[in-house]
Amino acid sequence: MDLGLTGKVAVITGASRGLGFATAQALVGEGCTVVMAARGLEALNKAADKLRSRWGRGSKVVPVACDVSTPDGVDHLMETAVVECGGIDVLVNNVGLGRGGTLEQTSDSDWREAFDNTLFPAIRCSQLAVPHMRHRGGGVIVIVSSIYGREAGGRMTYNVVKAAEISLTKSLAQQLAKDQIRVVGIAPGSILFEGGSWWKRQQEDPKGIAEFVARELPFGRFGAPDEVGNVIAFLSSSRASWVSGTTVVVDGCQSKAF
């Protein structure tokens, strides 16, 4: 299926590995120019080289090292995308962090860190992308949340900021429909990739993770990043033109919520 994304410009945060890299791979494969953002330039360059190697040296991939937990980092990312690529058609907000423990164990700095590294990047990137999308006659904003934004699970701070992203998705979608800008959320389940949190837990406690998989994952395995990236690519395309304001669950039936 041709998704009609050839020539579109997509900006992806957290793009050097995991879901962000898988999304970049799917969008480059559909003919997008992809601006890949992450903190480490070395990892970004390696990721960009992988994409060029797979899809050809002519593939337009722009790695941007920046810290999107800061306003300056977001400014640098968006300015680079516009200067290098001429505008923005698709924005994929894909960063998230939540540390801490119980209510009494979680400090103000833990809460600030969760908001600064998850919710505010999505807000700030969207704020700066919207004028460019409006100028181009429309666009798509994707916000990667989690099944643990919809139901209990994981750390408290992570649950809160991911739930906030789901709420943000609906609010932005209603505001921006008049500008032909769609806003869609993605709620992945437990995804395994090298260096990710589930991979680290698996290395530390293979028996415990095997029990978790048997108990919690109906298909008997973790999800793979490309299984999420391919859904994001579809939702970023005109093939999903009537999908906005909702959060699509991609979890292999892991979650319990209706």
Protein backbone atom coordinates (compact mmCIF):
# COMPACT_ATOMS: atom_id res chain seq x y z
CA MET A 1 0.00 0.00 0.00
CA ASP A 2 1.35 3.41 -0.99
CA LEU A 3 0.82 5.67 2.00
CA GLY A 4 1.34 8.84 -0.01
CA LEU A 5 4.12 10.12 2.23
CA THR A 6 6.78 10.68 -0.43
CA GLY A 7 8.36 14.10 -0.01
CA LYS A 8 6.83 14.77 3.40
CA VAL A 9 9.07 16.05 6.20
CA ALA A 10 8.84 14.17 9.49
CA VAL A 11 10.48 15.19 12.78
CA ILE A 12 10.96 12.39 15.32
CA THR A 13 12.22 12.82 18.87
CA GLY A 14 14.02 9.99 20.66
CA ALA A 15 14.93 8.65 17.24
CA SER A 16 18.32 6.99 17.72
CA ARG A 17 16.91 3.65 18.90
CA GLY A 18 13.78 1.74 19.85
CA LEU A 19 10.38 3.05 18.80
CA GLY A 20 11.80 6.30 17.45
CA PHE A 21 14.30 4.56 15.20
CA ALA A 22 11.68 2.05 14.02
CA THR A 23 9.37 4.94 13.16
CA ALA A 24 12.15 6.72 11.28
CA GLN A 25 12.85 3.52 9.36
CA ALA A 26 9.19 3.12 8.39
CA LEU A 27 8.86 6.75 7.30
CA VAL A 28 12.09 6.80 5.31
CA GLY A 29 10.88 3.63 3.62
CA GLU A 30 7.73 5.53 2.61
CA GLY A 31 9.78 8.31 1.02
CA CYS A 32 9.78 10.85 3.85
CA THR A 33 12.59 13.20 4.67
CA VAL A 34 13.22 12.39 8.32
CA VAL A 35 14.72 14.68 10.96
CA MET A 36 15.99 12.44 13.76
CA ALA A 37 16.48 13.98 17.20
CA ALA A 38 18.24 12.56 20.25
CA ARG A 39 20.82 13.72 22.76
CA GLY A 40 23.84 11.79 21.51
CA LEU A 41 25.23 12.75 18.09
CA GLU A 42 27.32 9.59 17.75
CA ALA A 43 24.32 7.30 18.24
CA LEU A 44 22.25 9.49 15.91
CA ASN A 45 24.85 9.34 13.16
CA LYS A 46 25.01 5.56 13.45
CA ALA A 47 21.22 5.35 13.25
CA ALA A 48 21.14 7.66 10.24
CA ASP A 49 23.81 5.58 8.50
CA LYS A 50 21.74 2.44 9.06
CA LEU A 51 18.78 4.08 7.38
CA ARG A 52 20.85 5.30 4.43
CA SER A 53 22.42 1.87 4.08
CA ARG A 54 19.03 0.17 3.94
CA TRP A 55 17.13 2.67 1.82
CA GLY A 56 19.92 4.14 -0.30
CA ARG A 57 22.35 6.98 0.07
CA GLY A 58 19.84 9.31 -1.56
CA SER A 59 17.52 8.99 1.41
CA LYS A 60 17.19 12.33 3.18
CA VAL A 61 17.98 11.80 6.86
CA VAL A 62 18.95 14.72 9.08
CA PRO A 63 20.35 13.85 12.54
CA VAL A 64 20.01 16.64 15.12
CA ALA A 65 21.66 16.29 18.53
CA CYS A 66 19.59 18.22 21.06
CA ASP A 67 17.99 17.95 24.47
CA VAL A 68 14.25 18.38 23.97
CA SER A 69 13.69 18.55 27.73
CA THR A 70 14.83 22.18 27.37
CA PRO A 71 13.23 25.04 25.39
CA ASP A 72 16.56 25.75 23.68
CA GLY A 73 16.83 22.14 22.55
CA VAL A 74 13.35 22.21 21.04
CA ASP A 75 14.07 25.54 19.33
CA HIS A 76 17.25 24.12 17.79
CA LEU A 77 15.46 21.01 16.53
CA MET A 78 12.58 22.83 14.89
CA GLU A 79 14.75 25.55 13.40
CA THR A 80 17.04 22.92 11.89
CA ALA A 81 14.11 21.02 10.42
CA VAL A 82 12.73 24.13 8.74
CA VAL A 83 16.09 25.42 7.49
CA GLU A 84 17.34 22.04 6.25
CA CYS A 85 14.06 20.64 4.93
CA GLY A 86 11.80 23.60 4.22
CA GLY A 87 9.02 22.83 6.67
CA ILE A 88 7.32 20.19 8.80
CA ASP A 89 4.49 17.83 7.84
CA VAL A 90 4.68 15.17 10.55
CA LEU A 91 5.84 15.42 14.17
CA VAL A 92 6.34 12.30 16.26
CA ASN A 93 6.73 13.10 19.96
CA ASN A 94 8.54 10.05 21.30
CA VAL A 95 10.40 10.76 24.52
CA GLY A 96 9.49 9.74 28.03
CA LEU A 97 10.99 9.27 31.46
CA GLY A 98 9.61 8.64 34.92
CA ARG A 99 11.60 7.83 38.03
CA GLY A 100 10.74 7.71 41.70
CA GLY A 101 8.74 5.34 43.87
CA THR A 102 5.81 5.73 46.20
CA LEU A 103 4.28 9.10 46.97
CA GLU A 104 6.54 9.61 49.98
CA GLN A 105 9.63 8.37 48.16
CA THR A 106 9.17 10.63 45.13
CA SER A 107 10.71 14.06 45.39
CA ASP A 108 9.74 17.28 43.66
CA SER A 109 12.79 16.89 41.43
CA ASP A 110 11.57 13.42 40.36
CA TRP A 111 8.23 14.92 39.37
CA ARG A 112 9.86 17.83 37.53
CA GLU A 113 12.15 15.42 35.69
CA ALA A 114 9.18 13.35 34.51
CA PHE A 115 7.29 16.38 33.23
CA ASP A 116 10.38 18.00 31.69
CA ASN A 117 11.37 14.84 29.84
CA THR A 118 7.92 13.68 28.72
CA LEU A 119 5.05 16.17 28.66
CA PHE A 120 6.83 19.47 28.01
CA PRO A 121 8.78 18.20 24.98
CA ALA A 122 5.48 17.15 23.37
CA ILE A 123 3.91 20.54 24.19
CA ARG A 124 6.87 22.63 23.03
CA CYS A 125 7.58 20.66 19.86
CA SER A 126 3.90 20.81 18.92
CA GLN A 127 3.73 24.57 19.59
CA LEU A 128 6.59 25.22 17.20
CA ALA A 129 5.51 22.71 14.56
CA VAL A 130 1.90 23.92 14.21
CA PRO A 131 2.62 27.22 12.38
CA HIS A 132 4.69 25.37 9.78
CA MET A 133 2.03 22.69 9.33
CA ARG A 134 -0.64 25.37 9.01
CA HIS A 135 1.46 27.10 6.34
CA ARG A 136 1.60 23.83 4.39
CA GLY A 137 -2.14 23.30 4.60
CA GLY A 138 -2.15 20.68 7.35
CA GLY A 139 -0.11 18.01 9.06
CA VAL A 140 -0.02 15.26 11.63
CA ILE A 141 1.17 15.24 15.24
CA VAL A 142 1.73 11.84 16.84
CA ILE A 143 2.16 11.59 20.61
CA VAL A 144 3.64 8.32 21.85
CA SER A 145 2.10 7.58 25.24
CA SER A 146 1.76 4.13 26.81
CA ILE A 147 -0.83 1.60 27.93
CA TYR A 148 0.20 2.76 31.40
CA GLY A 149 -1.29 6.15 30.60
CA ARG A 150 -4.63 4.36 30.31
CA GLU A 151 -4.49 2.01 33.29
CA ALA A 152 -2.39 1.24 36.36
CA GLY A 153 1.09 -0.14 35.84
CA GLY A 154 4.67 1.03 35.92
CA ARG A 155 6.00 3.88 38.03
CA MET A 156 3.63 6.50 39.38
CA THR A 157 5.42 9.42 37.72
CA TYR A 158 5.44 7.63 34.36
CA ASN A 159 1.72 6.84 34.62
CA VAL A 160 0.89 10.46 35.34
CA VAL A 161 2.84 12.03 32.47
CA LYS A 162 1.67 9.39 29.99
CA ALA A 163 -1.95 9.96 31.04
CA ALA A 164 -1.36 13.67 30.54
CA GLU A 165 -0.13 12.99 27.01
CA ILE A 166 -3.34 11.13 26.20
CA SER A 167 -5.35 14.09 27.45
CA LEU A 168 -3.12 16.46 25.47
CA THR A 169 -3.77 14.43 22.33
CA LYS A 170 -7.51 14.95 22.57
CA SER A 171 -7.24 18.65 23.41
CA LEU A 172 -4.84 19.42 20.55
CA ALA A 173 -6.89 17.42 18.07
CA GLN A 174 -10.01 19.42 18.84
CA GLN A 175 -8.12 22.73 18.63
CA LEU A 176 -6.26 21.98 15.41
CA ALA A 177 -8.85 20.23 13.26
CA LYS A 178 -9.81 23.59 11.73
CA ASP A 179 -6.23 23.84 10.44
CA GLN A 180 -6.39 20.35 8.89
CA ILE A 181 -3.90 19.11 11.48
CA ARG A 182 -4.62 15.68 12.90
CA VAL A 183 -3.35 14.66 16.35
CA VAL A 184 -3.13 10.97 17.17
CA GLY A 185 -1.83 9.15 20.24
CA ILE A 186 -0.09 5.78 20.34
CA ALA A 187 -0.18 3.59 23.44
CA PRO A 188 2.41 0.82 23.07
CA GLY A 189 2.60 -2.11 25.42
CA SER A 190 5.84 -3.76 26.53
CA ILE A 191 8.35 -3.50 23.67
CA LEU A 192 11.73 -5.25 23.66
CA PHE A 193 14.82 -3.78 22.01
CA GLU A 194 18.51 -3.86 22.86
CA GLY A 195 19.37 -1.22 25.45
CA GLY A 196 15.74 -0.58 26.37
CA SER A 197 14.25 -0.94 29.83
CA TRP A 198 12.72 -4.39 29.22
CA TRP A 199 15.97 -5.62 27.66
CA LYS A 200 17.92 -4.48 30.73
CA ARG A 201 15.47 -6.21 33.05
CA GLN A 202 15.70 -9.35 30.97
CA GLN A 203 19.49 -9.35 31.32
CA GLU A 204 19.25 -8.85 35.09
CA ASP A 205 16.45 -11.32 35.78
CA PRO A 206 15.74 -13.66 32.85
CA LYS A 207 13.62 -16.01 34.93
CA GLY A 208 11.47 -13.23 36.34
CA ILE A 209 10.94 -11.67 32.90
CA ALA A 210 10.05 -15.04 31.40
CA GLU A 211 7.39 -15.39 34.10
CA PHE A 212 6.15 -11.86 33.33
CA VAL A 213 5.84 -12.72 29.64
CA ALA A 214 3.93 -15.92 30.36
CA ARG A 215 1.63 -14.15 32.82
CA GLU A 216 1.02 -10.77 31.17
CA LEU A 217 1.58 -11.04 27.40
CA PRO A 218 -1.12 -13.09 25.65
CA PHE A 219 0.95 -13.76 22.52
CA GLY A 220 3.77 -15.10 24.66
CA ARG A 221 6.32 -12.52 23.57
CA PHE A 222 7.27 -8.87 23.76
CA GLY A 223 6.32 -6.50 20.98
CA ALA A 224 8.94 -5.34 18.48
CA PRO A 225 9.68 -1.68 17.72
CA ASP A 226 8.76 -2.00 14.04
CA GLU A 227 5.30 -3.23 15.03
CA VAL A 228 4.73 0.20 16.53
CA GLY A 229 6.68 2.16 13.91
CA ASN A 230 4.59 0.74 11.08
CA VAL A 231 1.37 1.81 12.82
CA ILE A 232 2.75 5.31 13.31
CA ALA A 233 3.65 5.50 9.61
CA PHE A 234 0.10 4.56 8.64
CA LEU A 235 -1.46 7.03 11.06
CA SER A 236 0.86 9.75 9.71
CA SER A 237 -0.50 9.23 6.21
CA SER A 238 -3.59 10.36 4.34
CA ARG A 239 -4.80 6.75 4.52
CA ALA A 240 -5.74 7.58 8.12
CA SER A 241 -7.35 10.91 7.24
CA TRP A 242 -10.36 10.44 9.56
CA VAL A 243 -8.34 9.37 12.61
CA SER A 244 -7.73 12.19 15.07
CA GLY A 245 -8.15 12.80 18.77
CA THR A 246 -7.85 9.16 19.70
CA THR A 247 -5.05 7.06 21.19
CA VAL A 248 -4.41 3.82 19.33
CA VAL A 249 -3.30 0.89 21.47
CA VAL A 250 -0.50 -1.26 20.02
CA ASP A 251 0.11 -3.88 22.69
CA GLY A 252 -0.74 -7.40 21.51
CA CYS A 253 -3.77 -7.41 23.85
CA GLN A 254 -1.58 -6.83 26.94
CA SER A 255 -3.67 -4.09 28.52
CA LYS A 256 -6.83 -4.70 30.50
CA ALA A 257 -8.72 -1.48 29.74
CA PHE A 258 -11.68 -1.49 27.36
